[in-house]
Amino acid sequence: MAQNPDELRKLGQRLDEAQKRHAVRDTGPPPTQLGIAGRFSTELVAAVVVGGGLGWGIDWLLGHFGYHTKPVFMLVFFVLGAAAGIRNVVRAASELNAAMAAEDDKEN
């Protein structure tokens, strides 16, 4: 059941053309300053809220078992959430910088 090499070559060309058309649609306009600020603030706020919420939940759960830890875990997880949020913002900034540098290289 050997395939005809010409048919396989035509199929490969059609696949390449379809991928090129799809790649053109995926590229959107560059992010605006408001969009960048929104992404950074969302990254930071979400991490802090999740960290603080997890800490509060652990404190609440341990309180039901007789251990009064409030607000120890909430503070610890709040700080960990803030650190994770800052790390996410730095990572997002480096991604945006790399994308902008690649765009500049493409133009030159």
Protein backbone atom coordinates (compact mmCIF):
# COMPACT_ATOMS: atom_id res chain seq x y z
CA MET A 1 0.00 0.00 0.00
CA ALA A 2 2.67 2.49 -1.02
CA GLN A 3 1.45 6.04 -1.57
CA ASN A 4 2.18 7.94 -4.74
CA PRO A 5 5.00 10.45 -3.99
CA ASP A 6 3.36 13.13 -6.14
CA GLU A 7 0.14 12.88 -4.14
CA LEU A 8 2.05 13.16 -0.88
CA ARG A 9 3.95 16.19 -2.16
CA LYS A 10 0.68 17.88 -3.21
CA LEU A 11 -0.82 17.09 0.19
CA GLY A 12 2.23 18.60 1.91
CA GLN A 13 1.93 21.76 -0.19
CA ARG A 14 -1.76 22.10 0.64
CA LEU A 15 -1.00 21.67 4.34
CA ASP A 16 1.74 24.31 4.15
CA GLU A 17 -0.62 26.76 2.47
CA ALA A 18 -3.32 26.13 5.07
CA GLN A 19 -0.83 26.69 7.91
CA LYS A 20 0.33 29.96 6.33
CA ARG A 21 -3.26 31.20 6.02
CA HIS A 22 -3.94 30.23 9.62
CA ALA A 23 -0.74 31.92 10.86
CA VAL A 24 -1.71 35.20 9.18
CA ARG A 25 -5.03 35.22 11.03
CA ASP A 26 -3.39 34.54 14.40
CA THR A 27 -1.30 37.69 14.39
CA GLY A 28 -3.25 40.53 15.90
CA PRO A 29 -2.50 44.15 16.57
CA PRO A 30 0.17 44.90 19.17
CA PRO A 31 -1.15 45.42 22.70
CA THR A 32 -1.98 48.93 23.77
CA GLN A 33 -0.65 50.59 26.90
CA LEU A 34 -4.03 50.19 28.55
CA GLY A 35 -4.10 46.51 27.64
CA ILE A 36 -0.63 45.99 29.08
CA ALA A 37 -1.56 47.80 32.30
CA GLY A 38 -4.73 45.74 32.55
CA ARG A 39 -2.84 42.49 32.12
CA PHE A 40 -0.22 43.42 34.72
CA SER A 41 -2.79 44.54 37.28
CA THR A 42 -4.91 41.44 36.70
CA GLU A 43 -1.89 39.17 37.15
CA LEU A 44 -0.95 40.85 40.42
CA VAL A 45 -4.43 41.21 41.92
CA ALA A 46 -5.45 37.65 41.05
CA ALA A 47 -2.36 36.17 42.69
CA VAL A 48 -2.81 38.24 45.86
CA VAL A 49 -6.53 37.38 46.12
CA VAL A 50 -5.90 33.67 45.59
CA GLY A 51 -3.04 33.64 48.11
CA GLY A 52 -5.01 35.54 50.72
CA GLY A 53 -8.08 33.38 50.12
CA LEU A 54 -6.13 30.17 50.51
CA GLY A 55 -4.59 31.44 53.75
CA TRP A 56 -7.97 32.52 55.08
CA GLY A 57 -9.42 29.12 54.16
CA ILE A 58 -6.66 27.26 55.96
CA ASP A 59 -7.11 29.46 59.04
CA TRP A 60 -10.86 28.89 58.94
CA LEU A 61 -10.45 25.13 58.53
CA LEU A 62 -7.94 24.85 61.36
CA GLY A 63 -10.22 27.00 63.56
CA HIS A 64 -12.92 24.36 63.23
CA PHE A 65 -10.51 21.75 64.56
CA GLY A 66 -9.64 23.83 67.62
CA TYR A 67 -6.42 25.43 66.40
CA HIS A 68 -6.68 29.21 66.53
CA THR A 69 -4.16 30.29 63.90
CA LYS A 70 -5.90 33.41 62.63
CA PRO A 71 -4.39 35.37 60.82
CA VAL A 72 -1.05 33.54 60.53
CA PHE A 73 -1.75 31.53 57.38
CA MET A 74 -3.64 34.38 55.77
CA LEU A 75 -0.64 36.67 56.15
CA VAL A 76 1.83 34.04 54.98
CA PHE A 77 -0.20 33.13 51.90
CA PHE A 78 -0.92 36.81 51.19
CA VAL A 79 2.83 37.46 51.03
CA LEU A 80 3.35 34.32 48.90
CA GLY A 81 0.55 35.47 46.59
CA ALA A 82 2.13 38.90 46.27
CA ALA A 83 5.47 37.30 45.40
CA ALA A 84 3.80 35.05 42.83
CA GLY A 85 1.97 38.05 41.37
CA ILE A 86 5.18 40.03 41.02
CA ARG A 87 6.83 37.02 39.39
CA ASN A 88 3.92 36.73 36.94
CA VAL A 89 4.15 40.44 36.08
CA VAL A 90 7.90 40.13 35.44
CA ARG A 91 7.28 37.07 33.24
CA ALA A 92 4.53 38.87 31.30
CA ALA A 93 6.77 41.90 30.82
CA SER A 94 9.59 39.75 29.47
CA GLU A 95 7.15 38.03 27.07
CA LEU A 96 5.95 41.40 25.81
CA ASN A 97 9.52 42.66 25.44
CA ALA A 98 10.50 39.55 23.50
CA ALA A 99 7.46 39.91 21.23
CA MET A 100 8.23 43.58 20.58
CA ALA A 101 11.89 42.79 19.87
CA ALA A 102 10.88 40.05 17.43
CA GLU A 103 8.51 42.48 15.72
CA ASP A 104 11.27 45.08 15.44
CA ASP A 105 13.64 42.47 14.00
CA LYS A 106 11.00 41.49 11.48
CA GLU A 107 10.61 45.09 10.33
CA ASN A 108 14.34 45.61 9.84
